[in-house]
Amino acid sequence: MQDRKIKHVFGPVPSRRLGYSLGIDVVPFKVCSFDCIYCQLGNTTNKTILIKEYFPIDEIISDVKSKLQESIRIDYLTLSGSGERKRQI
């Protein structure tokens, strides 16, 4: 694999329920079907229910493979959207 920045994968994040979960962002920042008043990231900037490929699947798979090559414990892969979190771990 070539050295490039991993953009779509974060973690692993420790979870009491899942053990160590590797997060995979499949939706861009603040694209969401909700506009929750309690969202830590503020108002949704792209409120939509449109289902589409926001990022090339090959790019996401490449990021996951790169992260899995590291010597880290991963119990689960969790698909998420950046509308729900932005902090990189």
PDB file of N, CA and C in Angstrom:
ATOM      1  N   MET A   1       0.837  -1.186   0.000  1.00  0.00           N
ATOM      2  CA  MET A   1       0.000   0.000   0.000  1.00  0.00           C
ATOM      3  C   MET A   1       0.883   1.252   0.000  1.00  0.00           C
ATOM      4  N   GLN A   2       0.443   2.262  -0.728  1.00  0.00           N
ATOM      5  CA  GLN A   2       1.199   3.501  -0.768  1.00  0.00           C
ATOM      6  C   GLN A   2       0.945   4.311   0.493  1.00  0.00           C
ATOM      7  N   ASP A   3       1.918   5.187   0.860  1.00  0.00           N
ATOM      8  CA  ASP A   3       1.741   6.049   2.016  1.00  0.00           C
ATOM      9  C   ASP A   3       0.849   7.221   1.623  1.00  0.00           C
ATOM     10  N   ARG A   4      -0.344   7.275   2.181  1.00  0.00           N
ATOM     11  CA  ARG A   4      -1.270   8.378   1.964  1.00  0.00           C
ATOM     12  C   ARG A   4      -2.101   8.540   3.218  1.00  0.00           C
ATOM     13  N   LYS A   5      -2.672   9.696   3.370  1.00  0.00           N
ATOM     14  CA  LYS A   5      -3.476   9.967   4.556  1.00  0.00           C
ATOM     15  C   LYS A   5      -4.761   9.151   4.530  1.00  0.00           C
ATOM     16  N   ILE A   6      -5.059   8.524   5.645  1.00  0.00           N
ATOM     17  CA  ILE A   6      -6.310   7.781   5.791  1.00  0.00           C
ATOM     18  C   ILE A   6      -7.391   8.791   6.154  1.00  0.00           C
ATOM     19  N   LYS A   7      -8.428   8.896   5.320  1.00  0.00           N
ATOM     20  CA  LYS A   7      -9.455   9.911   5.505  1.00  0.00           C
ATOM     21  C   LYS A   7     -10.776   9.367   6.052  1.00  0.00           C
ATOM     22  N   HIS A   8     -11.044   8.096   5.879  1.00  0.00           N
ATOM     23  CA  HIS A   8     -12.379   7.573   6.166  1.00  0.00           C
ATOM     24  C   HIS A   8     -12.439   6.609   7.340  1.00  0.00           C
ATOM     25  N   VAL A   9     -11.332   6.414   8.035  1.00  0.00           N
ATOM     26  CA  VAL A   9     -11.273   5.430   9.122  1.00  0.00           C
ATOM     27  C   VAL A   9     -10.737   6.117  10.375  1.00  0.00           C
ATOM     28  N   PHE A  10     -11.348   5.807  11.525  1.00  0.00           N
ATOM     29  CA  PHE A  10     -10.858   6.352  12.792  1.00  0.00           C
ATOM     30  C   PHE A  10     -10.909   5.274  13.857  1.00  0.00           C
ATOM     31  N   GLY A  11     -10.060   5.449  14.840  1.00  0.00           N
ATOM     32  CA  GLY A  11     -10.042   4.487  15.941  1.00  0.00           C
ATOM     33  C   GLY A  11      -8.820   3.607  15.902  1.00  0.00           C
ATOM     34  N   PRO A  12      -8.867   2.518  16.638  1.00  0.00           N
ATOM     35  CA  PRO A  12     -10.045   1.916  17.255  1.00  0.00           C
ATOM     36  C   PRO A  12     -10.532   2.695  18.468  1.00  0.00           C
ATOM     37  N   VAL A  13     -11.826   2.642  18.671  1.00  0.00           N
ATOM     38  CA  VAL A  13     -12.484   3.298  19.789  1.00  0.00           C
ATOM     39  C   VAL A  13     -12.929   2.216  20.768  1.00  0.00           C
ATOM     40  N   PRO A  14     -12.518   2.319  22.049  1.00  0.00           N
ATOM     41  CA  PRO A  14     -12.947   1.321  23.032  1.00  0.00           C
ATOM     42  C   PRO A  14     -14.432   1.463  23.347  1.00  0.00           C
ATOM     43  N   SER A  15     -15.116   0.348  23.431  1.00  0.00           N
ATOM     44  CA  SER A  15     -16.551   0.326  23.711  1.00  0.00           C
ATOM     45  C   SER A  15     -16.845  -0.819  24.671  1.00  0.00           C
ATOM     46  N   ARG A  16     -17.660  -0.560  25.685  1.00  0.00           N
ATOM     47  CA  ARG A  16     -18.029  -1.639  26.610  1.00  0.00           C
ATOM     48  C   ARG A  16     -18.825  -2.717  25.890  1.00  0.00           C
ATOM     49  N   ARG A  17     -19.593  -2.331  24.902  1.00  0.00           N
ATOM     50  CA  ARG A  17     -20.458  -3.266  24.188  1.00  0.00           C
ATOM     51  C   ARG A  17     -19.723  -4.011  23.084  1.00  0.00           C
ATOM     52  N   LEU A  18     -18.852  -3.310  22.363  1.00  0.00           N
ATOM     53  CA  LEU A  18     -18.227  -3.898  21.178  1.00  0.00           C
ATOM     54  C   LEU A  18     -16.750  -4.254  21.337  1.00  0.00           C
ATOM     55  N   GLY A  19     -16.131  -3.890  22.415  1.00  0.00           N
ATOM     56  CA  GLY A  19     -14.685  -4.089  22.521  1.00  0.00           C
ATOM     57  C   GLY A  19     -13.978  -2.935  21.826  1.00  0.00           C
ATOM     58  N   TYR A  20     -13.168  -3.230  20.819  1.00  0.00           N
ATOM     59  CA  TYR A  20     -12.467  -2.181  20.068  1.00  0.00           C
ATOM     60  C   TYR A  20     -13.072  -2.088  18.672  1.00  0.00           C
ATOM     61  N   SER A  21     -13.667  -0.935  18.402  1.00  0.00           N
ATOM     62  CA  SER A  21     -14.392  -0.720  17.160  1.00  0.00           C
ATOM     63  C   SER A  21     -13.625   0.237  16.252  1.00  0.00           C
ATOM     64  N   LEU A  22     -13.478  -0.152  15.012  1.00  0.00           N
ATOM     65  CA  LEU A  22     -12.848   0.709  14.014  1.00  0.00           C
ATOM     66  C   LEU A  22     -13.967   1.418  13.258  1.00  0.00           C
ATOM     67  N   GLY A  23     -13.999   2.744  13.349  1.00  0.00           N
ATOM     68  CA  GLY A  23     -15.049   3.522  12.702  1.00  0.00           C
ATOM     69  C   GLY A  23     -14.731   3.784  11.241  1.00  0.00           C
ATOM     70  N   ILE A  24     -15.744   3.702  10.412  1.00  0.00           N
ATOM     71  CA  ILE A  24     -15.591   3.940   8.980  1.00  0.00           C
ATOM     72  C   ILE A  24     -16.629   4.983   8.570  1.00  0.00           C
ATOM     73  N   ASP A  25     -16.158   6.173   8.178  1.00  0.00           N
ATOM     74  CA  ASP A  25     -17.054   7.242   7.739  1.00  0.00           C
ATOM     75  C   ASP A  25     -17.432   7.036   6.283  1.00  0.00           C
ATOM     76  N   VAL A  26     -18.720   6.894   6.042  1.00  0.00           N
ATOM     77  CA  VAL A  26     -19.198   6.698   4.672  1.00  0.00           C
ATOM     78  C   VAL A  26     -20.012   7.891   4.173  1.00  0.00           C
ATOM     79  N   VAL A  27     -20.184   8.901   5.027  1.00  0.00           N
ATOM     80  CA  VAL A  27     -20.951  10.092   4.680  1.00  0.00           C
ATOM     81  C   VAL A  27     -20.124  11.326   5.073  1.00  0.00           C
ATOM     82  N   PRO A  28     -20.106  12.377   4.248  1.00  0.00           N
ATOM     83  CA  PRO A  28     -19.315  13.578   4.559  1.00  0.00           C
ATOM     84  C   PRO A  28     -19.795  14.309   5.816  1.00  0.00           C
ATOM     85  N   PHE A  29     -18.954  15.199   6.283  1.00  0.00           N
ATOM     86  CA  PHE A  29     -19.212  16.008   7.476  1.00  0.00           C
ATOM     87  C   PHE A  29     -20.535  16.754   7.366  1.00  0.00           C
ATOM     88  N   LYS A  30     -21.407  16.579   8.349  1.00  0.00           N
ATOM     89  CA  LYS A  30     -22.687  17.255   8.521  1.00  0.00           C
ATOM     90  C   LYS A  30     -23.697  17.006   7.413  1.00  0.00           C
ATOM     91  N   VAL A  31     -23.591  15.870   6.739  1.00  0.00           N
ATOM     92  CA  VAL A  31     -24.660  15.405   5.856  1.00  0.00           C
ATOM     93  C   VAL A  31     -25.466  14.431   6.694  1.00  0.00           C
ATOM     94  N   CYS A  32     -26.728  14.763   6.929  1.00  0.00           N
ATOM     95  CA  CYS A  32     -27.518  13.976   7.867  1.00  0.00           C
ATOM     96  C   CYS A  32     -28.991  14.127   7.519  1.00  0.00           C
ATOM     97  N   SER A  33     -29.795  13.180   7.959  1.00  0.00           N
ATOM     98  CA  SER A  33     -31.238  13.277   7.753  1.00  0.00           C
ATOM     99  C   SER A  33     -31.924  13.938   8.951  1.00  0.00           C
ATOM    100  N   PHE A  34     -31.152  14.282   9.968  1.00  0.00           N
ATOM    101  CA  PHE A  34     -31.678  14.941  11.157  1.00  0.00           C
ATOM    102  C   PHE A  34     -31.011  16.294  11.341  1.00  0.00           C
ATOM    103  N   ASP A  35     -31.585  17.122  12.196  1.00  0.00           N
ATOM    104  CA  ASP A  35     -30.973  18.389  12.594  1.00  0.00           C
ATOM    105  C   ASP A  35     -31.187  18.526  14.094  1.00  0.00           C
ATOM    106  N   CYS A  36     -30.548  17.621  14.843  1.00  0.00           N
ATOM    107  CA  CYS A  36     -30.766  17.524  16.286  1.00  0.00           C
ATOM    108  C   CYS A  36     -30.275  18.778  17.012  1.00  0.00           C
ATOM    109  N   ILE A  37     -31.097  19.290  17.916  1.00  0.00           N
ATOM    110  CA  ILE A  37     -30.723  20.502  18.651  1.00  0.00           C
ATOM    111  C   ILE A  37     -29.558  20.241  19.610  1.00  0.00           C
ATOM    112  N   TYR A  38     -29.312  18.991  19.963  1.00  0.00           N
ATOM    113  CA  TYR A  38     -28.241  18.652  20.897  1.00  0.00           C
ATOM    114  C   TYR A  38     -26.951  18.221  20.196  1.00  0.00           C
ATOM    115  N   CYS A  39     -26.898  18.285  18.848  1.00  0.00           N
ATOM    116  CA  CYS A  39     -25.701  17.852  18.127  1.00  0.00           C
ATOM    117  C   CYS A  39     -24.503  18.702  18.527  1.00  0.00           C
ATOM    118  N   GLN A  40     -23.424  18.045  18.926  1.00  0.00           N
ATOM    119  CA  GLN A  40     -22.224  18.756  19.357  1.00  0.00           C
ATOM    120  C   GLN A  40     -21.555  19.509  18.224  1.00  0.00           C
ATOM    121  N   LEU A  41     -21.934  19.222  16.982  1.00  0.00           N
ATOM    122  CA  LEU A  41     -21.297  19.849  15.825  1.00  0.00           C
ATOM    123  C   LEU A  41     -22.120  20.973  15.212  1.00  0.00           C
ATOM    124  N   GLY A  42     -23.243  21.301  15.830  1.00  0.00           N
ATOM    125  CA  GLY A  42     -24.066  22.395  15.329  1.00  0.00           C
ATOM    126  C   GLY A  42     -25.100  21.932  14.317  1.00  0.00           C
ATOM    127  N   ASN A  43     -25.681  22.902  13.628  1.00  0.00           N
ATOM    128  CA  ASN A  43     -26.751  22.622  12.671  1.00  0.00           C
ATOM    129  C   ASN A  43     -26.260  21.769  11.508  1.00  0.00           C
ATOM    130  N   THR A  44     -27.140  20.939  10.997  1.00  0.00           N
ATOM    131  CA  THR A  44     -26.845  20.145   9.810  1.00  0.00           C
ATOM    132  C   THR A  44     -26.776  21.084   8.618  1.00  0.00           C
ATOM    133  N   THR A  45     -25.709  21.006   7.860  1.00  0.00           N
ATOM    134  CA  THR A  45     -25.534  21.902   6.718  1.00  0.00           C
ATOM    135  C   THR A  45     -26.066  21.302   5.421  1.00  0.00           C
ATOM    136  N   ASN A  46     -26.246  19.974   5.394  1.00  0.00           N
ATOM    137  CA  ASN A  46     -26.792  19.317   4.210  1.00  0.00           C
ATOM    138  C   ASN A  46     -27.793  18.258   4.679  1.00  0.00           C
ATOM    139  N   LYS A  47     -29.016  18.714   4.966  1.00  0.00           N
ATOM    140  CA  LYS A  47     -30.058  17.806   5.436  1.00  0.00           C
ATOM    141  C   LYS A  47     -30.671  17.099   4.230  1.00  0.00           C
ATOM    142  N   THR A  48     -30.555  15.773   4.206  1.00  0.00           N
ATOM    143  CA  THR A  48     -31.022  15.013   3.057  1.00  0.00           C
ATOM    144  C   THR A  48     -31.358  13.588   3.456  1.00  0.00           C
ATOM    145  N   ILE A  49     -32.209  12.973   2.680  1.00  0.00           N
ATOM    146  CA  ILE A  49     -32.474  11.535   2.828  1.00  0.00           C
ATOM    147  C   ILE A  49     -31.991  10.801   1.580  1.00  0.00           C
ATOM    148  N   LEU A  50     -31.256  11.507   0.738  1.00  0.00           N
ATOM    149  CA  LEU A  50     -30.742  10.925  -0.495  1.00  0.00           C
ATOM    150  C   LEU A  50     -29.699   9.851  -0.190  1.00  0.00           C
ATOM    151  N   ILE A  51     -29.916   8.668  -0.720  1.00  0.00           N
ATOM    152  CA  ILE A  51     -28.953   7.578  -0.572  1.00  0.00           C
ATOM    153  C   ILE A  51     -28.085   7.565  -1.817  1.00  0.00           C
ATOM    154  N   LYS A  52     -26.794   7.751  -1.630  1.00  0.00           N
ATOM    155  CA  LYS A  52     -25.870   7.748  -2.761  1.00  0.00           C
ATOM    156  C   LYS A  52     -24.476   7.411  -2.273  1.00  0.00           C
ATOM    157  N   GLU A  53     -23.590   7.199  -3.202  1.00  0.00           N
ATOM    158  CA  GLU A  53     -22.182   6.956  -2.867  1.00  0.00           C
ATOM    159  C   GLU A  53     -21.501   8.312  -2.736  1.00  0.00           C
ATOM    160  N   TYR A  54     -21.223   8.717  -1.490  1.00  0.00           N
ATOM    161  CA  TYR A  54     -20.592  10.008  -1.244  1.00  0.00           C
ATOM    162  C   TYR A  54     -19.086   9.962  -1.478  1.00  0.00           C
ATOM    163  N   PHE A  55     -18.479   8.819  -1.222  1.00  0.00           N
ATOM    164  CA  PHE A  55     -17.049   8.622  -1.434  1.00  0.00           C
ATOM    165  C   PHE A  55     -16.863   7.365  -2.271  1.00  0.00           C
ATOM    166  N   PRO A  56     -15.813   7.321  -3.090  1.00  0.00           N
ATOM    167  CA  PRO A  56     -15.556   6.101  -3.871  1.00  0.00           C
ATOM    168  C   PRO A  56     -15.309   4.908  -2.938  1.00  0.00           C
ATOM    169  N   ILE A  57     -16.009   3.823  -3.169  1.00  0.00           N
ATOM    170  CA  ILE A  57     -15.896   2.646  -2.302  1.00  0.00           C
ATOM    171  C   ILE A  57     -14.470   2.101  -2.288  1.00  0.00           C
ATOM    172  N   ASP A  58     -13.761   2.204  -3.401  1.00  0.00           N
ATOM    173  CA  ASP A  58     -12.369   1.732  -3.444  1.00  0.00           C
ATOM    174  C   ASP A  58     -11.485   2.526  -2.487  1.00  0.00           C
ATOM    175  N   GLU A  59     -11.764   3.816  -2.329  1.00  0.00           N
ATOM    176  CA  GLU A  59     -11.003   4.664  -1.415  1.00  0.00           C
ATOM    177  C   GLU A  59     -11.259   4.247   0.035  1.00  0.00           C
ATOM    178  N   ILE A  60     -12.510   3.961   0.368  1.00  0.00           N
ATOM    179  CA  ILE A  60     -12.859   3.533   1.722  1.00  0.00           C
ATOM    180  C   ILE A  60     -12.229   2.177   2.028  1.00  0.00           C
ATOM    181  N   ILE A  61     -12.329   1.245   1.096  1.00  0.00           N
ATOM    182  CA  ILE A  61     -11.743  -0.089   1.299  1.00  0.00           C
ATOM    183  C   ILE A  61     -10.235   0.005   1.462  1.00  0.00           C
ATOM    184  N   SER A  62      -9.600   0.857   0.686  1.00  0.00           N
ATOM    185  CA  SER A  62      -8.152   1.051   0.800  1.00  0.00           C
ATOM    186  C   SER A  62      -7.779   1.579   2.186  1.00  0.00           C
ATOM    187  N   ASP A  63      -8.559   2.539   2.708  1.00  0.00           N
ATOM    188  CA  ASP A  63      -8.313   3.068   4.049  1.00  0.00           C
ATOM    189  C   ASP A  63      -8.460   1.982   5.114  1.00  0.00           C
ATOM    190  N   VAL A  64      -9.495   1.160   4.988  1.00  0.00           N
ATOM    191  CA  VAL A  64      -9.720   0.082   5.964  1.00  0.00           C
ATOM    192  C   VAL A  64      -8.562  -0.911   5.915  1.00  0.00           C
ATOM    193  N   LYS A  65      -8.149  -1.317   4.732  1.00  0.00           N
ATOM    194  CA  LYS A  65      -7.034  -2.267   4.598  1.00  0.00           C
ATOM    195  C   LYS A  65      -5.760  -1.693   5.196  1.00  0.00           C
ATOM    196  N   SER A  66      -5.499  -0.409   4.962  1.00  0.00           N
ATOM    197  CA  SER A  66      -4.304   0.233   5.522  1.00  0.00           C
ATOM    198  C   SER A  66      -4.326   0.194   7.041  1.00  0.00           C
ATOM    199  N   LYS A  67      -5.476   0.514   7.624  1.00  0.00           N
ATOM    200  CA  LYS A  67      -5.584   0.534   9.084  1.00  0.00           C
ATOM    201  C   LYS A  67      -5.474  -0.872   9.675  1.00  0.00           C
ATOM    202  N   LEU A  68      -6.046  -1.859   8.984  1.00  0.00           N
ATOM    203  CA  LEU A  68      -5.991  -3.234   9.493  1.00  0.00           C
ATOM    204  C   LEU A  68      -4.584  -3.821   9.442  1.00  0.00           C
ATOM    205  N   GLN A  69      -3.697  -3.243   8.644  1.00  0.00           N
ATOM    206  CA  GLN A  69      -2.311  -3.721   8.580  1.00  0.00           C
ATOM    207  C   GLN A  69      -1.506  -3.293   9.803  1.00  0.00           C
ATOM    208  N   GLU A  70      -2.008  -2.318  10.552  1.00  0.00           N
ATOM    209  CA  GLU A  70      -1.329  -1.892  11.774  1.00  0.00           C
ATOM    210  C   GLU A  70      -1.516  -2.967  12.842  1.00  0.00           C
ATOM    211  N   SER A  71      -0.618  -3.025  13.774  1.00  0.00           N
ATOM    212  CA  SER A  71      -0.700  -4.024  14.848  1.00  0.00           C
ATOM    213  C   SER A  71      -1.589  -3.498  15.970  1.00  0.00           C
ATOM    214  N   ILE A  72      -2.882  -3.476  15.706  1.00  0.00           N
ATOM    215  CA  ILE A  72      -3.846  -2.998  16.688  1.00  0.00           C
ATOM    216  C   ILE A  72      -4.994  -3.995  16.791  1.00  0.00           C
ATOM    217  N   ARG A  73      -5.623  -4.008  17.964  1.00  0.00           N
ATOM    218  CA  ARG A  73      -6.764  -4.899  18.178  1.00  0.00           C
ATOM    219  C   ARG A  73      -8.027  -4.268  17.602  1.00  0.00           C
ATOM    220  N   ILE A  74      -8.720  -5.008  16.761  1.00  0.00           N
ATOM    221  CA  ILE A  74      -9.997  -4.579  16.180  1.00  0.00           C
ATOM    222  C   ILE A  74     -10.996  -5.717  16.369  1.00  0.00           C
ATOM    223  N   ASP A  75     -12.090  -5.444  17.085  1.00  0.00           N
ATOM    224  CA  ASP A  75     -13.134  -6.450  17.281  1.00  0.00           C
ATOM    225  C   ASP A  75     -14.282  -6.275  16.289  1.00  0.00           C
ATOM    226  N   TYR A  76     -14.585  -5.031  15.937  1.00  0.00           N
ATOM    227  CA  TYR A  76     -15.702  -4.735  15.034  1.00  0.00           C
ATOM    228  C   TYR A  76     -15.345  -3.598  14.095  1.00  0.00           C
ATOM    229  N   LEU A  77     -15.982  -3.593  12.937  1.00  0.00           N
ATOM    230  CA  LEU A  77     -15.950  -2.460  12.021  1.00  0.00           C
ATOM    231  C   LEU A  77     -17.315  -1.791  12.123  1.00  0.00           C
ATOM    232  N   THR A  78     -17.338  -0.482  12.346  1.00  0.00           N
ATOM    233  CA  THR A  78     -18.583   0.249  12.537  1.00  0.00           C
ATOM    234  C   THR A  78     -18.720   1.317  11.461  1.00  0.00           C
ATOM    235  N   LEU A  79     -19.780   1.240  10.661  1.00  0.00           N
ATOM    236  CA  LEU A  79     -20.046   2.256   9.648  1.00  0.00           C
ATOM    237  C   LEU A  79     -20.749   3.432  10.301  1.00  0.00           C
ATOM    238  N   SER A  80     -20.302   4.644   9.959  1.00  0.00           N
ATOM    239  CA  SER A  80     -20.892   5.835  10.544  1.00  0.00           C
ATOM    240  C   SER A  80     -20.861   6.964   9.529  1.00  0.00           C
ATOM    241  N   GLY A  81     -21.379   8.102   9.936  1.00  0.00           N
ATOM    242  CA  GLY A  81     -21.320   9.294   9.113  1.00  0.00           C
ATOM    243  C   GLY A  81     -20.713  10.429   9.899  1.00  0.00           C
ATOM    244  N   SER A  82     -19.974  11.301   9.257  1.00  0.00           N
ATOM    245  CA  SER A  82     -19.309  12.401   9.962  1.00  0.00           C
ATOM    246  C   SER A  82     -20.280  13.416  10.535  1.00  0.00           C
ATOM    247  N   GLY A  83     -21.531  13.346  10.187  1.00  0.00           N
ATOM    248  CA  GLY A  83     -22.516  14.221  10.808  1.00  0.00           C
ATOM    249  C   GLY A  83     -22.658  13.947  12.287  1.00  0.00           C
ATOM    250  N   GLU A  84     -22.321  12.762  12.706  1.00  0.00           N
ATOM    251  CA  GLU A  84     -22.464  12.368  14.104  1.00  0.00           C
ATOM    252  C   GLU A  84     -21.191  12.531  14.922  1.00  0.00           C
ATOM    253  N   ARG A  85     -20.067  12.752  14.282  1.00  0.00           N
ATOM    254  CA  ARG A  85     -18.817  12.986  15.007  1.00  0.00           C
ATOM    255  C   ARG A  85     -17.779  13.509  14.028  1.00  0.00           C
ATOM    256  N   LYS A  86     -16.812  14.238  14.528  1.00  0.00           N
ATOM    257  CA  LYS A  86     -15.754  14.735  13.661  1.00  0.00           C
ATOM    258  C   LYS A  86     -14.383  14.498  14.268  1.00  0.00           C
ATOM    259  N   ARG A  87     -14.307  14.228  15.544  1.00  0.00           N
ATOM    260  CA  ARG A  87     -13.019  14.089  16.218  1.00  0.00           C
ATOM    261  C   ARG A  87     -12.289  12.838  15.735  1.00  0.00           C
ATOM    262  N   GLN A  88     -11.057  13.001  15.341  1.00  0.00           N
ATOM    263  CA  GLN A  88     -10.222  11.867  14.953  1.00  0.00           C
ATOM    264  C   GLN A  88      -9.480  11.354  16.169  1.00  0.00           C
ATOM    265  N   ILE A  89      -9.437  10.048  16.322  1.00  0.00           N
ATOM    266  CA  ILE A  89      -8.750   9.430  17.465  1.00  0.00           C
ATOM    267  C   ILE A  89      -7.523   8.710  16.951  1.00  0.00           C
TER     268      ILE A  89
END
